[in-house]
Amino acid sequence: MTREIRIHLVRHGKPDISRNVWLTRSEYIEWWAHYTHVGLAPDEAPRDATLHTARQCSRLLSSSLKRAVETAETLAEGKQITSSGLYVEAPLPPLWIFSWLKAKPIAWGTLSRVTWWMGFSGGQESHWEAKRRAWSAVDELTQLADEHGDVMLCGHGWFNRMIAKRLKQSGWRRDGTGGDAYWTCRTLVKALEEDEARLVTDPAQD
């Protein structure tokens, strides 16, 4: 006999900070430091489909960063939330190149992510260390889903992708769609064999 368990990975809502600005390298470093601490933009509301999924979940978790916590609080509708640094976004190290360049945050972020992926961490968590953290996150989420039923994590675009990749490597499959936009939800599902011992009646209960 089998049963299915699901892990839903939600990207946080839109943060209360403008990306429509042109920044030098040093200005971007300051912008990113501020971004790390902001919450959601005013009047942010979840997608109906994501809110519906959250209502089906037995456990809601979030990254410990403010934008993820506020996303989880919006979706929880009073349910208890567990927040953890285990799920925070993989870092973007400050670049040491292109000091002459002026660009928007998305361009700086892309350049920073590429150099981080190639091995430059600037003294922060490395790509390999973030991978290992993603593996730990998968272990925790899998255990929670096995014990409690469907689980939802409100996290971040890049680290959620790292978790999803590890889940698929571990035999989970993608269920439905879901991308990288704010409030979108990736769902991964796995069929588990029921422990036959659980189906045996305890003689003491006869």
C-alpha atoms as a PDB file:
ATOM      1  CA  MET A   1       0.000   0.000   0.000  1.00  0.00           C
ATOM      2  CA  THR A   2       1.325   3.442  -0.893  1.00  0.00           C
ATOM      3  CA  ARG A   3       0.536   6.988   0.054  1.00  0.00           C
ATOM      4  CA  GLU A   4       1.662  10.297  -1.434  1.00  0.00           C
ATOM      5  CA  ILE A   5       3.334  13.122   0.438  1.00  0.00           C
ATOM      6  CA  ARG A   6       3.832  16.624  -0.924  1.00  0.00           C
ATOM      7  CA  ILE A   7       6.238  19.471  -0.281  1.00  0.00           C
ATOM      8  CA  HIS A   8       5.192  22.897  -1.549  1.00  0.00           C
ATOM      9  CA  LEU A   9       7.941  25.473  -2.102  1.00  0.00           C
ATOM     10  CA  VAL A  10       6.628  29.047  -2.212  1.00  0.00           C
ATOM     11  CA  ARG A  11       8.611  32.111  -3.184  1.00  0.00           C
ATOM     12  CA  HIS A  12       7.929  35.054  -0.880  1.00  0.00           C
ATOM     13  CA  GLY A  13       5.766  37.999  -1.882  1.00  0.00           C
ATOM     14  CA  LYS A  14       7.070  41.240  -3.374  1.00  0.00           C
ATOM     15  CA  PRO A  15       9.457  42.992  -0.940  1.00  0.00           C
ATOM     16  CA  ASP A  16       9.039  46.617   0.066  1.00  0.00           C
ATOM     17  CA  ILE A  17      11.989  47.928  -1.943  1.00  0.00           C
ATOM     18  CA  SER A  18      12.369  49.330  -5.451  1.00  0.00           C
ATOM     19  CA  ARG A  19      14.355  47.464  -8.096  1.00  0.00           C
ATOM     20  CA  ASN A  20      13.892  50.285 -10.589  1.00  0.00           C
ATOM     21  CA  VAL A  21      17.087  52.089  -9.618  1.00  0.00           C
ATOM     22  CA  TRP A  22      20.542  52.393 -11.144  1.00  0.00           C
ATOM     23  CA  LEU A  23      23.380  51.624  -8.773  1.00  0.00           C
ATOM     24  CA  THR A  24      27.128  51.524  -8.661  1.00  0.00           C
ATOM     25  CA  ARG A  25      28.809  48.459  -7.212  1.00  0.00           C
ATOM     26  CA  SER A  26      29.138  49.998  -3.748  1.00  0.00           C
ATOM     27  CA  GLU A  27      25.566  51.296  -3.875  1.00  0.00           C
ATOM     28  CA  TYR A  28      24.340  47.813  -4.793  1.00  0.00           C
ATOM     29  CA  ILE A  29      26.123  46.317  -1.785  1.00  0.00           C
ATOM     30  CA  GLU A  30      24.215  48.770   0.423  1.00  0.00           C
ATOM     31  CA  TRP A  31      20.972  48.038  -1.449  1.00  0.00           C
ATOM     32  CA  TRP A  32      21.354  44.281  -0.918  1.00  0.00           C
ATOM     33  CA  ALA A  33      22.105  44.730   2.791  1.00  0.00           C
ATOM     34  CA  HIS A  34      18.870  46.712   3.107  1.00  0.00           C
ATOM     35  CA  TYR A  35      16.924  44.183   1.001  1.00  0.00           C
ATOM     36  CA  THR A  36      17.888  41.416   3.416  1.00  0.00           C
ATOM     37  CA  HIS A  37      15.903  43.085   6.202  1.00  0.00           C
ATOM     38  CA  VAL A  38      12.763  44.419   4.499  1.00  0.00           C
ATOM     39  CA  GLY A  39       9.313  42.894   4.707  1.00  0.00           C
ATOM     40  CA  LEU A  40       6.560  42.746   2.110  1.00  0.00           C
ATOM     41  CA  ALA A  41       5.337  45.735   0.127  1.00  0.00           C
ATOM     42  CA  PRO A  42       2.062  47.289   1.296  1.00  0.00           C
ATOM     43  CA  ASP A  43      -1.129  45.650   0.039  1.00  0.00           C
ATOM     44  CA  GLU A  44       0.682  42.470  -1.033  1.00  0.00           C
ATOM     45  CA  ALA A  45      -1.738  39.560  -1.347  1.00  0.00           C
ATOM     46  CA  PRO A  46      -1.148  35.896  -2.182  1.00  0.00           C
ATOM     47  CA  ARG A  47      -2.250  34.171  -5.349  1.00  0.00           C
ATOM     48  CA  ASP A  48      -5.531  32.346  -4.860  1.00  0.00           C
ATOM     49  CA  ALA A  49      -4.015  29.016  -5.899  1.00  0.00           C
ATOM     50  CA  THR A  50      -1.176  29.333  -3.379  1.00  0.00           C
ATOM     51  CA  LEU A  51      -3.558  30.301  -0.603  1.00  0.00           C
ATOM     52  CA  HIS A  52      -5.754  27.308  -1.430  1.00  0.00           C
ATOM     53  CA  THR A  53      -2.726  25.009  -1.269  1.00  0.00           C
ATOM     54  CA  ALA A  54      -1.678  26.464   2.080  1.00  0.00           C
ATOM     55  CA  ARG A  55      -5.079  25.603   3.523  1.00  0.00           C
ATOM     56  CA  GLN A  56      -4.460  21.938   2.699  1.00  0.00           C
ATOM     57  CA  CYS A  57      -1.108  21.810   4.501  1.00  0.00           C
ATOM     58  CA  SER A  58      -0.596  20.483   7.987  1.00  0.00           C
ATOM     59  CA  ARG A  59       2.658  22.362   8.554  1.00  0.00           C
ATOM     60  CA  LEU A  60       3.843  25.803   7.398  1.00  0.00           C
ATOM     61  CA  LEU A  61       7.483  26.755   7.558  1.00  0.00           C
ATOM     62  CA  SER A  62       9.467  29.781   6.487  1.00  0.00           C
ATOM     63  CA  SER A  63      12.907  31.205   6.160  1.00  0.00           C
ATOM     64  CA  SER A  64      13.783  33.429   9.091  1.00  0.00           C
ATOM     65  CA  LEU A  65      14.104  36.497   6.817  1.00  0.00           C
ATOM     66  CA  LYS A  66      11.334  39.044   7.266  1.00  0.00           C
ATOM     67  CA  ARG A  67       9.892  38.874   3.743  1.00  0.00           C
ATOM     68  CA  ALA A  68       9.489  35.097   4.030  1.00  0.00           C
ATOM     69  CA  VAL A  69       8.035  35.232   7.549  1.00  0.00           C
ATOM     70  CA  GLU A  70       5.427  37.792   6.485  1.00  0.00           C
ATOM     71  CA  THR A  71       4.575  35.660   3.445  1.00  0.00           C
ATOM     72  CA  ALA A  72       4.001  32.641   5.681  1.00  0.00           C
ATOM     73  CA  GLU A  73       1.913  34.689   8.104  1.00  0.00           C
ATOM     74  CA  THR A  74      -0.325  35.814   5.238  1.00  0.00           C
ATOM     75  CA  LEU A  75      -0.813  32.245   4.031  1.00  0.00           C
ATOM     76  CA  ALA A  76      -1.123  30.665   7.466  1.00  0.00           C
ATOM     77  CA  GLU A  77      -4.446  32.298   8.376  1.00  0.00           C
ATOM     78  CA  GLY A  78      -3.759  31.685  12.050  1.00  0.00           C
ATOM     79  CA  LYS A  79      -1.905  28.380  11.761  1.00  0.00           C
ATOM     80  CA  GLN A  80       1.350  27.996  13.629  1.00  0.00           C
ATOM     81  CA  ILE A  81       4.495  28.771  11.615  1.00  0.00           C
ATOM     82  CA  THR A  82       8.000  27.461  12.174  1.00  0.00           C
ATOM     83  CA  SER A  83      10.743  29.816  10.956  1.00  0.00           C
ATOM     84  CA  SER A  84      14.338  28.731  10.537  1.00  0.00           C
ATOM     85  CA  GLY A  85      17.646  30.034   9.229  1.00  0.00           C
ATOM     86  CA  LEU A  86      18.020  26.680   7.478  1.00  0.00           C
ATOM     87  CA  TYR A  87      15.842  28.011   4.644  1.00  0.00           C
ATOM     88  CA  VAL A  88      17.285  31.505   4.106  1.00  0.00           C
ATOM     89  CA  GLU A  89      18.381  32.575   0.650  1.00  0.00           C
ATOM     90  CA  ALA A  90      21.809  31.563  -0.618  1.00  0.00           C
ATOM     91  CA  PRO A  91      24.022  34.638  -0.248  1.00  0.00           C
ATOM     92  CA  LEU A  92      25.091  37.050  -2.955  1.00  0.00           C
ATOM     93  CA  PRO A  93      28.735  37.967  -2.248  1.00  0.00           C
ATOM     94  CA  PRO A  94      29.843  41.539  -2.998  1.00  0.00           C
ATOM     95  CA  LEU A  95      31.571  41.766  -6.373  1.00  0.00           C
ATOM     96  CA  TRP A  96      35.163  42.919  -6.601  1.00  0.00           C
ATOM     97  CA  ILE A  97      34.909  43.771 -10.306  1.00  0.00           C
ATOM     98  CA  PHE A  98      33.112  46.307 -12.510  1.00  0.00           C
ATOM     99  CA  SER A  99      33.511  49.185 -10.053  1.00  0.00           C
ATOM    100  CA  TRP A 100      32.902  51.546 -12.987  1.00  0.00           C
ATOM    101  CA  LEU A 101      29.558  49.948 -13.894  1.00  0.00           C
ATOM    102  CA  LYS A 102      26.154  51.368 -13.048  1.00  0.00           C
ATOM    103  CA  ALA A 103      23.274  48.895 -13.366  1.00  0.00           C
ATOM    104  CA  LYS A 104      19.929  47.851 -11.922  1.00  0.00           C
ATOM    105  CA  PRO A 105      19.808  45.418  -8.973  1.00  0.00           C
ATOM    106  CA  ILE A 106      18.719  42.496 -11.182  1.00  0.00           C
ATOM    107  CA  ALA A 107      21.889  42.874 -13.284  1.00  0.00           C
ATOM    108  CA  TRP A 108      24.145  43.154 -10.258  1.00  0.00           C
ATOM    109  CA  GLY A 109      22.408  40.162  -8.686  1.00  0.00           C
ATOM    110  CA  THR A 110      22.916  38.062 -11.815  1.00  0.00           C
ATOM    111  CA  LEU A 111      26.621  38.914 -11.982  1.00  0.00           C
ATOM    112  CA  SER A 112      27.033  38.184  -8.294  1.00  0.00           C
ATOM    113  CA  ARG A 113      25.182  34.866  -8.528  1.00  0.00           C
ATOM    114  CA  VAL A 114      27.312  33.732 -11.478  1.00  0.00           C
ATOM    115  CA  THR A 115      30.570  34.475  -9.644  1.00  0.00           C
ATOM    116  CA  TRP A 116      29.209  32.760  -6.508  1.00  0.00           C
ATOM    117  CA  TRP A 117      28.238  29.704  -8.532  1.00  0.00           C
ATOM    118  CA  MET A 118      31.749  29.643 -10.007  1.00  0.00           C
ATOM    119  CA  GLY A 119      33.315  29.521  -6.563  1.00  0.00           C
ATOM    120  CA  PHE A 120      33.749  33.090  -5.255  1.00  0.00           C
ATOM    121  CA  SER A 121      31.982  33.496  -1.920  1.00  0.00           C
ATOM    122  CA  GLY A 122      33.611  36.630  -0.541  1.00  0.00           C
ATOM    123  CA  GLY A 123      33.887  35.052   2.889  1.00  0.00           C
ATOM    124  CA  GLN A 124      30.191  34.140   2.973  1.00  0.00           C
ATOM    125  CA  GLU A 125      28.507  30.767   2.552  1.00  0.00           C
ATOM    126  CA  SER A 126      29.957  29.076  -0.518  1.00  0.00           C
ATOM    127  CA  HIS A 127      28.028  27.338  -3.276  1.00  0.00           C
ATOM    128  CA  TRP A 128      29.060  23.951  -1.879  1.00  0.00           C
ATOM    129  CA  GLU A 129      28.061  24.933   1.663  1.00  0.00           C
ATOM    130  CA  ALA A 130      24.671  26.120   0.403  1.00  0.00           C
ATOM    131  CA  LYS A 131      24.234  22.779  -1.384  1.00  0.00           C
ATOM    132  CA  ARG A 132      24.830  20.921   1.844  1.00  0.00           C
ATOM    133  CA  ARG A 133      22.341  23.192   3.591  1.00  0.00           C
ATOM    134  CA  ALA A 134      19.786  22.413   0.864  1.00  0.00           C
ATOM    135  CA  TRP A 135      20.340  18.705   1.505  1.00  0.00           C
ATOM    136  CA  SER A 136      19.684  19.255   5.221  1.00  0.00           C
ATOM    137  CA  ALA A 137      16.543  21.206   4.331  1.00  0.00           C
ATOM    138  CA  VAL A 138      15.334  18.308   2.183  1.00  0.00           C
ATOM    139  CA  ASP A 139      15.923  15.850   5.017  1.00  0.00           C
ATOM    140  CA  GLU A 140      13.910  18.005   7.420  1.00  0.00           C
ATOM    141  CA  LEU A 141      11.057  18.702   4.997  1.00  0.00           C
ATOM    142  CA  THR A 142      10.822  15.041   4.031  1.00  0.00           C
ATOM    143  CA  GLN A 143      10.602  13.949   7.645  1.00  0.00           C
ATOM    144  CA  LEU A 144       7.919  16.527   8.401  1.00  0.00           C
ATOM    145  CA  ALA A 145       5.879  15.522   5.348  1.00  0.00           C
ATOM    146  CA  ASP A 146       6.169  11.845   6.278  1.00  0.00           C
ATOM    147  CA  GLU A 147       5.030  12.510   9.851  1.00  0.00           C
ATOM    148  CA  HIS A 148       2.416  15.224   9.363  1.00  0.00           C
ATOM    149  CA  GLY A 149       1.236  15.255   5.749  1.00  0.00           C
ATOM    150  CA  ASP A 150       1.602  18.052   3.194  1.00  0.00           C
ATOM    151  CA  VAL A 151       4.159  20.715   4.121  1.00  0.00           C
ATOM    152  CA  MET A 152       4.610  24.242   2.754  1.00  0.00           C
ATOM    153  CA  LEU A 153       7.853  26.225   2.906  1.00  0.00           C
ATOM    154  CA  CYS A 154       7.826  29.970   2.296  1.00  0.00           C
ATOM    155  CA  GLY A 155      11.334  30.713   1.128  1.00  0.00           C
ATOM    156  CA  HIS A 156      13.332  32.291  -1.656  1.00  0.00           C
ATOM    157  CA  GLY A 157      13.776  31.934  -5.385  1.00  0.00           C
ATOM    158  CA  TRP A 158      17.300  30.567  -5.630  1.00  0.00           C
ATOM    159  CA  PHE A 159      17.409  28.407  -2.506  1.00  0.00           C
ATOM    160  CA  ASN A 160      13.973  26.952  -3.257  1.00  0.00           C
ATOM    161  CA  ARG A 161      15.350  25.849  -6.635  1.00  0.00           C
ATOM    162  CA  MET A 162      18.278  24.193  -4.885  1.00  0.00           C
ATOM    163  CA  ILE A 163      15.871  22.332  -2.595  1.00  0.00           C
ATOM    164  CA  ALA A 164      13.686  21.286  -5.541  1.00  0.00           C
ATOM    165  CA  LYS A 165      16.697  19.960  -7.435  1.00  0.00           C
ATOM    166  CA  ARG A 166      17.770  17.858  -4.457  1.00  0.00           C
ATOM    167  CA  LEU A 167      14.244  16.542  -3.989  1.00  0.00           C
ATOM    168  CA  LYS A 168      14.100  15.412  -7.634  1.00  0.00           C
ATOM    169  CA  GLN A 169      17.481  13.732  -7.237  1.00  0.00           C
ATOM    170  CA  SER A 170      15.980  11.889  -4.269  1.00  0.00           C
ATOM    171  CA  GLY A 171      13.067  10.483  -6.260  1.00  0.00           C
ATOM    172  CA  TRP A 172      10.472  13.246  -5.916  1.00  0.00           C
ATOM    173  CA  ARG A 173       8.582  14.380  -9.012  1.00  0.00           C
ATOM    174  CA  ARG A 174       7.203  17.750 -10.019  1.00  0.00           C
ATOM    175  CA  ASP A 175       3.438  18.046  -9.703  1.00  0.00           C
ATOM    176  CA  GLY A 176       1.922  20.811 -11.799  1.00  0.00           C
ATOM    177  CA  THR A 177       3.489  24.133 -12.648  1.00  0.00           C
ATOM    178  CA  GLY A 178       5.011  26.911 -10.621  1.00  0.00           C
ATOM    179  CA  GLY A 179       7.838  29.288 -11.393  1.00  0.00           C
ATOM    180  CA  ASP A 180       9.965  31.960  -9.820  1.00  0.00           C
ATOM    181  CA  ALA A 181       7.472  34.816  -9.618  1.00  0.00           C
ATOM    182  CA  TYR A 182       6.377  36.156  -6.236  1.00  0.00           C
ATOM    183  CA  TRP A 183       3.819  33.957  -4.445  1.00  0.00           C
ATOM    184  CA  THR A 184       4.279  31.078  -6.904  1.00  0.00           C
ATOM    185  CA  CYS A 185       4.382  27.523  -5.595  1.00  0.00           C
ATOM    186  CA  ARG A 186       6.441  24.536  -6.742  1.00  0.00           C
ATOM    187  CA  THR A 187       4.941  21.232  -5.641  1.00  0.00           C
ATOM    188  CA  LEU A 188       6.919  18.023  -5.411  1.00  0.00           C
ATOM    189  CA  VAL A 189       5.333  14.685  -4.639  1.00  0.00           C
ATOM    190  CA  LYS A 190       6.594  11.254  -3.670  1.00  0.00           C
ATOM    191  CA  ALA A 191       4.825   7.927  -3.209  1.00  0.00           C
ATOM    192  CA  LEU A 192       5.842   6.071  -0.069  1.00  0.00           C
ATOM    193  CA  GLU A 193       5.309   2.481   0.856  1.00  0.00           C
ATOM    194  CA  GLU A 194       3.309   2.240   4.058  1.00  0.00           C
ATOM    195  CA  ASP A 195       5.131   0.519   6.883  1.00  0.00           C
ATOM    196  CA  GLU A 196       3.288  -2.785   7.186  1.00  0.00           C
ATOM    197  CA  ALA A 197       3.970  -2.786  10.890  1.00  0.00           C
ATOM    198  CA  ARG A 198       1.652   0.189  11.255  1.00  0.00           C
ATOM    199  CA  LEU A 199      -1.198  -1.888   9.834  1.00  0.00           C
ATOM    200  CA  VAL A 200      -0.888  -4.612  12.455  1.00  0.00           C
ATOM    201  CA  THR A 201      -3.376  -4.250  15.279  1.00  0.00           C
ATOM    202  CA  ASP A 202      -1.828  -3.909  18.688  1.00  0.00           C
ATOM    203  CA  PRO A 203      -3.046  -6.937  20.698  1.00  0.00           C
ATOM    204  CA  ALA A 204      -3.355  -4.702  23.734  1.00  0.00           C
ATOM    205  CA  GLN A 205      -6.119  -2.790  21.951  1.00  0.00           C
ATOM    206  CA  ASP A 206      -8.241  -5.900  21.172  1.00  0.00           C
END
